[in-house]
Amino acid sequence: MPCAVPVTSAHALNNATLHYGLLLADRGQKAILDDRHLRNGLNVHKDRIINAPLPKRSVTR
């Protein structure tokens, strides 16, 4: 329950994501090629949907 312990949950989120943010800052797009977790989190690249289930869940305009 993040709202019950906001500081603790913010620290946990930072601890879980800081590594990936630093990878992207240091290596740019090469980080996505090198790290499978970043690749798995990629949804859209150059106006193309990369994550196949995404269009099925998205609302079309």
PDB file of N, CA and C in Angstrom:
ATOM      1  N   MET A   1       0.835  -1.174   0.000  1.00  0.00           N
ATOM      2  CA  MET A   1       0.000   0.000   0.000  1.00  0.00           C
ATOM      3  C   MET A   1       0.885   1.243   0.000  1.00  0.00           C
ATOM      4  N   PRO A   2       1.219   1.762  -1.172  1.00  0.00           N
ATOM      5  CA  PRO A   2       2.096   2.920  -1.239  1.00  0.00           C
ATOM      6  C   PRO A   2       1.593   4.134  -0.474  1.00  0.00           C
ATOM      7  N   CYS A   3       0.273   4.357  -0.406  1.00  0.00           N
ATOM      8  CA  CYS A   3      -0.222   5.547   0.289  1.00  0.00           C
ATOM      9  C   CYS A   3      -0.039   5.439   1.800  1.00  0.00           C
ATOM     10  N   ALA A   4       0.074   4.234   2.316  1.00  0.00           N
ATOM     11  CA  ALA A   4       0.263   4.059   3.749  1.00  0.00           C
ATOM     12  C   ALA A   4       1.706   4.339   4.165  1.00  0.00           C
ATOM     13  N   VAL A   5       2.633   4.111   3.292  1.00  0.00           N
ATOM     14  CA  VAL A   5       4.056   4.332   3.584  1.00  0.00           C
ATOM     15  C   VAL A   5       4.713   5.015   2.392  1.00  0.00           C
ATOM     16  N   PRO A   6       4.390   6.299   2.146  1.00  0.00           N
ATOM     17  CA  PRO A   6       4.851   6.948   0.919  1.00  0.00           C
ATOM     18  C   PRO A   6       6.370   7.048   0.793  1.00  0.00           C
ATOM     19  N   VAL A   7       7.064   7.317   1.874  1.00  0.00           N
ATOM     20  CA  VAL A   7       8.516   7.461   1.785  1.00  0.00           C
ATOM     21  C   VAL A   7       9.161   6.118   1.479  1.00  0.00           C
ATOM     22  N   THR A   8       8.708   5.085   2.165  1.00  0.00           N
ATOM     23  CA  THR A   8       9.260   3.748   1.942  1.00  0.00           C
ATOM     24  C   THR A   8       8.985   3.278   0.523  1.00  0.00           C
ATOM     25  N   SER A   9       7.773   3.518   0.023  1.00  0.00           N
ATOM     26  CA  SER A   9       7.453   3.071  -1.338  1.00  0.00           C
ATOM     27  C   SER A   9       8.232   3.872  -2.371  1.00  0.00           C
ATOM     28  N   ALA A  10       8.467   5.151  -2.120  1.00  0.00           N
ATOM     29  CA  ALA A  10       9.268   5.958  -3.039  1.00  0.00           C
ATOM     30  C   ALA A  10      10.706   5.444  -3.090  1.00  0.00           C
ATOM     31  N   HIS A  11      11.246   5.076  -1.933  1.00  0.00           N
ATOM     32  CA  HIS A  11      12.609   4.518  -1.898  1.00  0.00           C
ATOM     33  C   HIS A  11      12.662   3.175  -2.621  1.00  0.00           C
ATOM     34  N   ALA A  12      11.647   2.357  -2.441  1.00  0.00           N
ATOM     35  CA  ALA A  12      11.613   1.054  -3.104  1.00  0.00           C
ATOM     36  C   ALA A  12      11.538   1.222  -4.621  1.00  0.00           C
ATOM     37  N   LEU A  13      10.707   2.146  -5.085  1.00  0.00           N
ATOM     38  CA  LEU A  13      10.598   2.394  -6.516  1.00  0.00           C
ATOM     39  C   LEU A  13      11.918   2.915  -7.071  1.00  0.00           C
ATOM     40  N   ASN A  14      12.552   3.828  -6.345  1.00  0.00           N
ATOM     41  CA  ASN A  14      13.846   4.360  -6.771  1.00  0.00           C
ATOM     42  C   ASN A  14      14.893   3.247  -6.839  1.00  0.00           C
ATOM     43  N   ASN A  15      14.931   2.397  -5.823  1.00  0.00           N
ATOM     44  CA  ASN A  15      15.898   1.300  -5.808  1.00  0.00           C
ATOM     45  C   ASN A  15      15.680   0.323  -6.957  1.00  0.00           C
ATOM     46  N   ALA A  16      14.436   0.130  -7.353  1.00  0.00           N
ATOM     47  CA  ALA A  16      14.130  -0.823  -8.423  1.00  0.00           C
ATOM     48  C   ALA A  16      14.395  -0.251  -9.812  1.00  0.00           C
ATOM     49  N   THR A  17      14.314   1.072  -9.971  1.00  0.00           N
ATOM     50  CA  THR A  17      14.389   1.652 -11.314  1.00  0.00           C
ATOM     51  C   THR A  17      15.643   2.481 -11.591  1.00  0.00           C
ATOM     52  N   LEU A  18      16.353   2.887 -10.575  1.00  0.00           N
ATOM     53  CA  LEU A  18      17.515   3.752 -10.764  1.00  0.00           C
ATOM     54  C   LEU A  18      18.553   3.119 -11.693  1.00  0.00           C
ATOM     55  N   HIS A  19      18.795   1.850 -11.525  1.00  0.00           N
ATOM     56  CA  HIS A  19      19.774   1.142 -12.361  1.00  0.00           C
ATOM     57  C   HIS A  19      19.453   1.307 -13.845  1.00  0.00           C
ATOM     58  N   TYR A  20      18.186   1.160 -14.207  1.00  0.00           N
ATOM     59  CA  TYR A  20      17.788   1.247 -15.611  1.00  0.00           C
ATOM     60  C   TYR A  20      17.857   2.680 -16.124  1.00  0.00           C
ATOM     61  N   GLY A  21      17.507   3.629 -15.291  1.00  0.00           N
ATOM     62  CA  GLY A  21      17.631   5.029 -15.682  1.00  0.00           C
ATOM     63  C   GLY A  21      19.075   5.415 -15.943  1.00  0.00           C
ATOM     64  N   LEU A  22      19.980   4.926 -15.101  1.00  0.00           N
ATOM     65  CA  LEU A  22      21.402   5.204 -15.298  1.00  0.00           C
ATOM     66  C   LEU A  22      21.943   4.517 -16.552  1.00  0.00           C
ATOM     67  N   LEU A  23      21.474   3.301 -16.824  1.00  0.00           N
ATOM     68  CA  LEU A  23      21.882   2.622 -18.064  1.00  0.00           C
ATOM     69  C   LEU A  23      21.476   3.430 -19.288  1.00  0.00           C
ATOM     70  N   LEU A  24      20.237   3.913 -19.292  1.00  0.00           N
ATOM     71  CA  LEU A  24      19.763   4.708 -20.425  1.00  0.00           C
ATOM     72  C   LEU A  24      20.528   6.016 -20.537  1.00  0.00           C
ATOM     73  N   ALA A  25      20.826   6.641 -19.406  1.00  0.00           N
ATOM     74  CA  ALA A  25      21.566   7.906 -19.430  1.00  0.00           C
ATOM     75  C   ALA A  25      22.990   7.705 -19.941  1.00  0.00           C
ATOM     76  N   ASP A  26      23.611   6.613 -19.545  1.00  0.00           N
ATOM     77  CA  ASP A  26      24.996   6.356 -19.941  1.00  0.00           C
ATOM     78  C   ASP A  26      25.127   5.847 -21.370  1.00  0.00           C
ATOM     79  N   ARG A  27      24.246   4.937 -21.785  1.00  0.00           N
ATOM     80  CA  ARG A  27      24.415   4.252 -23.065  1.00  0.00           C
ATOM     81  C   ARG A  27      23.395   4.630 -24.125  1.00  0.00           C
ATOM     82  N   GLY A  28      22.345   5.320 -23.749  1.00  0.00           N
ATOM     83  CA  GLY A  28      21.306   5.692 -24.713  1.00  0.00           C
ATOM     84  C   GLY A  28      20.596   4.465 -25.261  1.00  0.00           C
ATOM     85  N   GLN A  29      20.305   4.480 -26.542  1.00  0.00           N
ATOM     86  CA  GLN A  29      19.561   3.373 -27.154  1.00  0.00           C
ATOM     87  C   GLN A  29      20.332   2.059 -27.141  1.00  0.00           C
ATOM     88  N   LYS A  30      21.646   2.134 -27.066  1.00  0.00           N
ATOM     89  CA  LYS A  30      22.442   0.906 -27.004  1.00  0.00           C
ATOM     90  C   LYS A  30      22.102   0.107 -25.751  1.00  0.00           C
ATOM     91  N   ALA A  31      21.701   0.792 -24.684  1.00  0.00           N
ATOM     92  CA  ALA A  31      21.321   0.107 -23.445  1.00  0.00           C
ATOM     93  C   ALA A  31      20.132  -0.819 -23.689  1.00  0.00           C
ATOM     94  N   ILE A  32      19.220  -0.393 -24.543  1.00  0.00           N
ATOM     95  CA  ILE A  32      18.040  -1.223 -24.829  1.00  0.00           C
ATOM     96  C   ILE A  32      18.444  -2.483 -25.584  1.00  0.00           C
ATOM     97  N   LEU A  33      19.399  -2.359 -26.475  1.00  0.00           N
ATOM     98  CA  LEU A  33      19.872  -3.530 -27.209  1.00  0.00           C
ATOM     99  C   LEU A  33      20.618  -4.499 -26.293  1.00  0.00           C
ATOM    100  N   ASP A  34      21.336  -3.958 -25.320  1.00  0.00           N
ATOM    101  CA  ASP A  34      22.173  -4.782 -24.450  1.00  0.00           C
ATOM    102  C   ASP A  34      21.429  -5.409 -23.275  1.00  0.00           C
ATOM    103  N   ASP A  35      20.322  -4.812 -22.862  1.00  0.00           N
ATOM    104  CA  ASP A  35      19.636  -5.265 -21.644  1.00  0.00           C
ATOM    105  C   ASP A  35      18.261  -5.825 -21.985  1.00  0.00           C
ATOM    106  N   ARG A  36      18.052  -7.096 -21.714  1.00  0.00           N
ATOM    107  CA  ARG A  36      16.777  -7.732 -22.093  1.00  0.00           C
ATOM    108  C   ARG A  36      15.598  -7.167 -21.314  1.00  0.00           C
ATOM    109  N   HIS A  37      15.822  -6.692 -20.090  1.00  0.00           N
ATOM    110  CA  HIS A  37      14.724  -6.127 -19.298  1.00  0.00           C
ATOM    111  C   HIS A  37      14.252  -4.801 -19.899  1.00  0.00           C
ATOM    112  N   LEU A  38      15.184  -3.986 -20.344  1.00  0.00           N
ATOM    113  CA  LEU A  38      14.791  -2.751 -21.023  1.00  0.00           C
ATOM    114  C   LEU A  38      14.085  -3.059 -22.339  1.00  0.00           C
ATOM    115  N   ARG A  39      14.584  -4.044 -23.075  1.00  0.00           N
ATOM    116  CA  ARG A  39      13.926  -4.447 -24.335  1.00  0.00           C
ATOM    117  C   ARG A  39      12.503  -4.915 -24.075  1.00  0.00           C
ATOM    118  N   ASN A  40      12.310  -5.692 -23.027  1.00  0.00           N
ATOM    119  CA  ASN A  40      10.964  -6.191 -22.719  1.00  0.00           C
ATOM    120  C   ASN A  40      10.007  -5.075 -22.323  1.00  0.00           C
ATOM    121  N   GLY A  41      10.544  -3.962 -21.813  1.00  0.00           N
ATOM    122  CA  GLY A  41       9.706  -2.841 -21.423  1.00  0.00           C
ATOM    123  C   GLY A  41       9.417  -1.862 -22.545  1.00  0.00           C
ATOM    124  N   LEU A  42      10.040  -2.054 -23.706  1.00  0.00           N
ATOM    125  CA  LEU A  42       9.852  -1.142 -24.827  1.00  0.00           C
ATOM    126  C   LEU A  42       8.513  -1.416 -25.503  1.00  0.00           C
ATOM    127  N   ASN A  43       7.688  -0.378 -25.642  1.00  0.00           N
ATOM    128  CA  ASN A  43       6.383  -0.545 -26.265  1.00  0.00           C
ATOM    129  C   ASN A  43       6.315   0.068 -27.661  1.00  0.00           C
ATOM    130  N   VAL A  44       6.923   1.228 -27.846  1.00  0.00           N
ATOM    131  CA  VAL A  44       6.854   1.933 -29.129  1.00  0.00           C
ATOM    132  C   VAL A  44       8.250   2.415 -29.494  1.00  0.00           C
ATOM    133  N   HIS A  45       8.635   2.234 -30.758  1.00  0.00           N
ATOM    134  CA  HIS A  45       9.930   2.702 -31.254  1.00  0.00           C
ATOM    135  C   HIS A  45       9.755   3.201 -32.674  1.00  0.00           C
ATOM    136  N   LYS A  46      10.146   4.446 -32.919  1.00  0.00           N
ATOM    137  CA  LYS A  46      10.035   5.072 -34.243  1.00  0.00           C
ATOM    138  C   LYS A  46       8.621   4.929 -34.822  1.00  0.00           C
ATOM    139  N   ASP A  47       7.634   5.291 -34.000  1.00  0.00           N
ATOM    140  CA  ASP A  47       6.218   5.272 -34.398  1.00  0.00           C
ATOM    141  C   ASP A  47       5.681   3.882 -34.735  1.00  0.00           C
ATOM    142  N   ARG A  48       6.383   2.848 -34.338  1.00  0.00           N
ATOM    143  CA  ARG A  48       5.901   1.479 -34.563  1.00  0.00           C
ATOM    144  C   ARG A  48       5.683   0.819 -33.217  1.00  0.00           C
ATOM    145  N   ILE A  49       4.619   0.061 -33.092  1.00  0.00           N
ATOM    146  CA  ILE A  49       4.332  -0.658 -31.849  1.00  0.00           C
ATOM    147  C   ILE A  49       5.203  -1.904 -31.814  1.00  0.00           C
ATOM    148  N   ILE A  50       6.008  -2.011 -30.775  1.00  0.00           N
ATOM    149  CA  ILE A  50       6.934  -3.122 -30.629  1.00  0.00           C
ATOM    150  C   ILE A  50       6.310  -4.245 -29.802  1.00  0.00           C
ATOM    151  N   ASN A  51       5.550  -3.884 -28.782  1.00  0.00           N
ATOM    152  CA  ASN A  51       4.923  -4.842 -27.887  1.00  0.00           C
ATOM    153  C   ASN A  51       3.625  -5.320 -28.532  1.00  0.00           C
ATOM    154  N   ALA A  52       3.598  -6.545 -29.001  1.00  0.00           N
ATOM    155  CA  ALA A  52       2.458  -7.062 -29.782  1.00  0.00           C
ATOM    156  C   ALA A  52       1.104  -6.957 -29.072  1.00  0.00           C
ATOM    157  N   PRO A  53       0.979  -7.274 -27.786  1.00  0.00           N
ATOM    158  CA  PRO A  53      -0.341  -7.175 -27.152  1.00  0.00           C
ATOM    159  C   PRO A  53      -0.831  -5.738 -26.967  1.00  0.00           C
ATOM    160  N   LEU A  54       0.030  -4.760 -27.111  1.00  0.00           N
ATOM    161  CA  LEU A  54      -0.340  -3.373 -26.854  1.00  0.00           C
ATOM    162  C   LEU A  54      -1.518  -2.890 -27.695  1.00  0.00           C
ATOM    163  N   PRO A  55      -1.555  -3.124 -29.004  1.00  0.00           N
ATOM    164  CA  PRO A  55      -2.693  -2.611 -29.777  1.00  0.00           C
ATOM    165  C   PRO A  55      -4.027  -3.212 -29.354  1.00  0.00           C
ATOM    166  N   LYS A  56      -4.015  -4.403 -28.859  1.00  0.00           N
ATOM    167  CA  LYS A  56      -5.251  -5.059 -28.438  1.00  0.00           C
ATOM    168  C   LYS A  56      -5.819  -4.399 -27.180  1.00  0.00           C
ATOM    169  N   ARG A  57      -4.918  -3.856 -26.335  1.00  0.00           N
ATOM    170  CA  ARG A  57      -5.363  -3.214 -25.097  1.00  0.00           C
ATOM    171  C   ARG A  57      -5.627  -1.734 -25.269  1.00  0.00           C
ATOM    172  N   SER A  58      -5.078  -1.116 -26.292  1.00  0.00           N
ATOM    173  CA  SER A  58      -5.161   0.326 -26.465  1.00  0.00           C
ATOM    174  C   SER A  58      -6.522   0.722 -27.025  1.00  0.00           C
ATOM    175  N   VAL A  59      -6.905   1.930 -26.684  1.00  0.00           N
ATOM    176  CA  VAL A  59      -8.140   2.483 -27.225  1.00  0.00           C
ATOM    177  C   VAL A  59      -7.782   3.207 -28.517  1.00  0.00           C
ATOM    178  N   THR A  60      -8.488   2.902 -29.581  1.00  0.00           N
ATOM    179  CA  THR A  60      -8.226   3.563 -30.860  1.00  0.00           C
ATOM    180  C   THR A  60      -9.050   4.833 -30.938  1.00  0.00           C
ATOM    181  N   ARG A  61      -8.534   5.813 -31.661  1.00  0.00           N
ATOM    182  CA  ARG A  61      -9.243   7.093 -31.806  1.00  0.00           C
ATOM    183  C   ARG A  61     -10.137   7.084 -32.998  1.00  0.00           C
TER     184      ARG A  61
END
